[in-house]
């Protein structure tokens, strides 16, 4: 079980590291767009849409990475004071009851949404980027990565719960 958990976590580690480069690219694109807009009064729809797409990719592809490194948003009012076993129980229940079902719903719905876009070869209505279905499939991909990391978290939490119980703690 630990090997599977580590394998799933490694996928998100690599995707997260690779997608982190999008932040620098996005920053350069924004600087370029601002410069051309104010100095040359030039703005293209495709460049603005590319900003949105890069921003979306950073969050979608980085969600599993953030969960892996425990950098996601959480209300730590009580959680911070919990023991490792109590944290594992909260993570296990929260992942099983909330995160996995929510990811499954989004994966299902976003796949239908993206597939519909693909079948009509949807592009930008503003003469911007073509193949709008690519960014829509990124929703499915991002939530699939988050789903995989949730499974890894579930396994890791279960391992912590079981190992702590076997030690009498």
Protein backbone atom coordinates (compact mmCIF):
# COMPACT_ATOMS: atom_id res chain seq x y z
CA UNK A 1 0.00 0.00 0.00
CA UNK A 2 2.89 2.35 0.78
CA UNK A 3 4.44 1.71 -2.65
CA UNK A 4 1.19 2.61 -4.39
CA UNK A 5 0.84 5.75 -2.27
CA UNK A 6 4.41 6.79 -3.06
CA UNK A 7 3.90 6.12 -6.78
CA UNK A 8 0.76 8.27 -6.89
CA UNK A 9 2.49 11.02 -4.93
CA UNK A 10 5.46 10.91 -7.32
CA UNK A 11 3.13 11.60 -10.26
CA UNK A 12 1.88 14.77 -8.59
CA UNK A 13 5.40 15.72 -7.53
CA UNK A 14 6.62 15.65 -11.12
CA UNK A 15 3.55 17.35 -12.57
CA UNK A 16 3.69 20.01 -9.84
CA UNK A 17 7.35 20.73 -10.46
CA UNK A 18 6.82 20.89 -14.21
CA UNK A 19 3.77 23.15 -13.91
CA UNK A 20 5.64 25.51 -11.59
CA UNK A 21 7.48 26.76 -14.67
CA UNK A 22 4.17 28.09 -15.94
CA UNK A 23 4.31 30.77 -13.24
CA UNK A 24 7.43 32.31 -14.75
CA UNK A 25 6.02 32.07 -18.25
CA UNK A 26 2.80 33.72 -17.09
CA UNK A 27 4.73 36.53 -15.42
CA UNK A 28 6.71 37.20 -18.63
CA UNK A 29 3.54 37.13 -20.71
CA UNK A 30 1.78 39.58 -18.40
CA UNK A 31 4.75 41.95 -18.50
CA UNK A 32 4.83 41.72 -22.29
CA UNK A 33 1.08 42.33 -22.55
CA UNK A 34 1.18 45.33 -20.23
CA UNK A 35 4.14 46.81 -22.09
CA UNK A 36 2.55 46.41 -25.53
CA UNK A 37 -0.80 47.68 -24.29
CA UNK A 38 0.56 50.88 -22.74
CA UNK A 39 3.47 51.65 -25.06
CA UNK A 40 2.02 50.55 -28.38
CA UNK A 41 -1.72 50.55 -27.66
CA UNK A 42 -1.80 46.94 -28.84
CA UNK A 43 -3.71 44.10 -27.28
CA UNK A 44 -4.55 40.75 -28.84
CA UNK A 45 -7.32 38.48 -27.56
CA UNK A 46 -5.14 35.38 -27.87
CA UNK A 47 -2.52 36.81 -25.49
CA UNK A 48 -5.12 37.68 -22.87
CA UNK A 49 -6.71 34.25 -23.23
CA UNK A 50 -3.28 32.64 -22.92
CA UNK A 51 -2.87 34.45 -19.57
CA UNK A 52 -6.17 32.95 -18.37
CA UNK A 53 -5.24 29.49 -19.61
CA UNK A 54 -1.81 29.55 -17.97
CA UNK A 55 -3.33 30.79 -14.71
CA UNK A 56 -5.89 27.97 -14.83
CA UNK A 57 -3.22 25.37 -15.60
CA UNK A 58 -1.09 26.50 -12.65
CA UNK A 59 -3.97 25.87 -10.25
CA UNK A 60 -5.41 22.78 -11.92
CA UNK A 61 -2.11 20.96 -12.34
CA UNK A 62 -0.80 22.18 -8.99
CA UNK A 63 -3.77 21.10 -6.84
CA UNK A 64 -2.53 17.54 -6.31
CA UNK A 65 0.96 18.87 -5.62
CA UNK A 66 -0.43 21.28 -3.02
CA UNK A 67 -2.35 18.47 -1.33
CA UNK A 68 0.75 16.26 -1.34
CA UNK A 69 2.76 18.95 0.45
CA UNK A 70 -0.11 19.90 2.78
CA UNK A 71 -0.19 23.43 1.36
CA UNK A 72 -3.89 23.47 0.56
CA UNK A 73 -6.42 25.67 2.32
CA UNK A 74 -7.58 24.24 5.63
CA UNK A 75 -9.15 25.76 8.72
CA UNK A 76 -6.60 24.78 11.37
CA UNK A 77 -8.64 25.87 14.35
CA UNK A 78 -8.48 22.41 15.92
CA UNK A 79 -6.41 20.39 13.47
CA UNK A 80 -3.09 22.01 14.41
CA UNK A 81 -3.45 20.77 18.00
CA UNK A 82 -4.37 17.19 17.05
CA UNK A 83 -2.00 14.26 17.44
CA UNK A 84 -0.70 12.53 14.32
CA UNK A 85 -3.31 9.80 14.70
CA UNK A 86 -6.13 12.32 15.09
CA UNK A 87 -4.90 14.22 12.02
CA UNK A 88 -4.79 10.96 10.08
CA UNK A 89 -8.38 10.18 11.11
CA UNK A 90 -9.57 13.65 10.03
CA UNK A 91 -7.67 13.32 6.73
CA UNK A 92 -9.05 9.84 6.13
CA UNK A 93 -12.67 10.77 6.80
CA UNK A 94 -12.45 14.12 4.99
CA UNK A 95 -10.83 12.52 1.96
CA UNK A 96 -13.27 9.62 1.84
CA UNK A 97 -16.44 11.64 2.47
CA UNK A 98 -15.68 14.93 0.74
CA UNK A 99 -12.60 15.03 -1.48
CA UNK A 100 -12.91 11.77 -3.45
CA UNK A 101 -16.64 12.14 -4.22
CA UNK A 102 -16.20 15.80 -5.18
CA UNK A 103 -13.29 14.97 -7.49
CA UNK A 104 -15.28 12.13 -9.08
CA UNK A 105 -18.21 14.46 -9.76
CA UNK A 106 -15.97 17.13 -11.28
CA UNK A 107 -14.07 14.59 -13.39
CA UNK A 108 -17.34 13.19 -14.76
CA UNK A 109 -18.94 16.58 -15.42
CA UNK A 110 -15.82 18.23 -16.83
CA UNK A 111 -15.13 15.32 -19.16
CA UNK A 112 -18.62 15.65 -20.65
CA UNK A 113 -18.11 19.42 -20.89
CA UNK A 114 -14.71 19.09 -22.60
CA UNK A 115 -15.84 16.28 -24.89
CA UNK A 116 -18.76 18.40 -26.06
CA UNK A 117 -16.33 21.23 -26.76
CA UNK A 118 -14.04 18.87 -28.67
CA UNK A 119 -16.82 17.44 -30.85
CA UNK A 120 -17.76 20.93 -32.02
CA UNK A 121 -14.08 21.97 -32.32
CA UNK A 122 -14.80 24.95 -30.10
CA UNK A 123 -12.47 27.90 -30.34
CA UNK A 124 -12.42 31.38 -28.95
CA UNK A 125 -15.43 33.55 -29.81
CA UNK A 126 -13.07 36.57 -29.83
CA UNK A 127 -10.62 35.32 -32.48
CA UNK A 128 -8.28 34.28 -29.69
CA UNK A 129 -6.91 30.83 -29.05
CA UNK A 130 -8.24 27.89 -31.06
CA UNK A 131 -9.02 24.49 -29.54
CA UNK A 132 -10.74 25.73 -26.39
CA UNK A 133 -11.42 22.09 -25.51
CA UNK A 134 -7.77 21.70 -24.47
CA UNK A 135 -8.18 23.96 -21.46
CA UNK A 136 -11.50 22.27 -20.69
CA UNK A 137 -9.78 18.87 -20.68
CA UNK A 138 -7.24 20.40 -18.28
CA UNK A 139 -10.06 20.61 -15.72
CA UNK A 140 -10.55 16.85 -16.01
CA UNK A 141 -6.79 16.23 -15.86
CA UNK A 142 -6.29 18.50 -12.84
CA UNK A 143 -9.06 16.84 -10.88
CA UNK A 144 -7.83 13.39 -11.90
CA UNK A 145 -4.42 14.29 -10.47
CA UNK A 146 -6.08 15.58 -7.31
CA UNK A 147 -8.09 12.34 -7.13
CA UNK A 148 -4.88 10.28 -7.37
CA UNK A 149 -3.27 12.34 -4.62
CA UNK A 150 -6.41 11.92 -2.50
CA UNK A 151 -6.07 8.14 -2.85
CA UNK A 152 -2.42 8.44 -1.77
CA UNK A 153 -3.50 10.56 1.22
CA UNK A 154 -6.20 8.03 2.08
CA UNK A 155 -3.63 5.20 2.06
CA UNK A 156 -1.10 7.20 4.03
CA UNK A 157 -3.71 8.18 6.62
CA UNK A 158 -4.89 4.60 6.96
CA UNK A 159 -1.29 3.47 7.41
CA UNK A 160 -0.81 6.05 10.18
CA UNK A 161 -4.05 5.03 11.89
CA UNK A 162 -3.22 1.33 11.78
CA UNK A 163 0.43 1.70 12.79
CA UNK A 164 -0.43 3.97 15.70
CA UNK A 165 -3.10 1.51 16.87
CA UNK A 166 -0.69 -1.42 16.69
CA UNK A 167 1.71 0.46 18.98
CA UNK A 168 -1.03 1.03 21.50
CA UNK A 169 -1.20 4.77 20.95
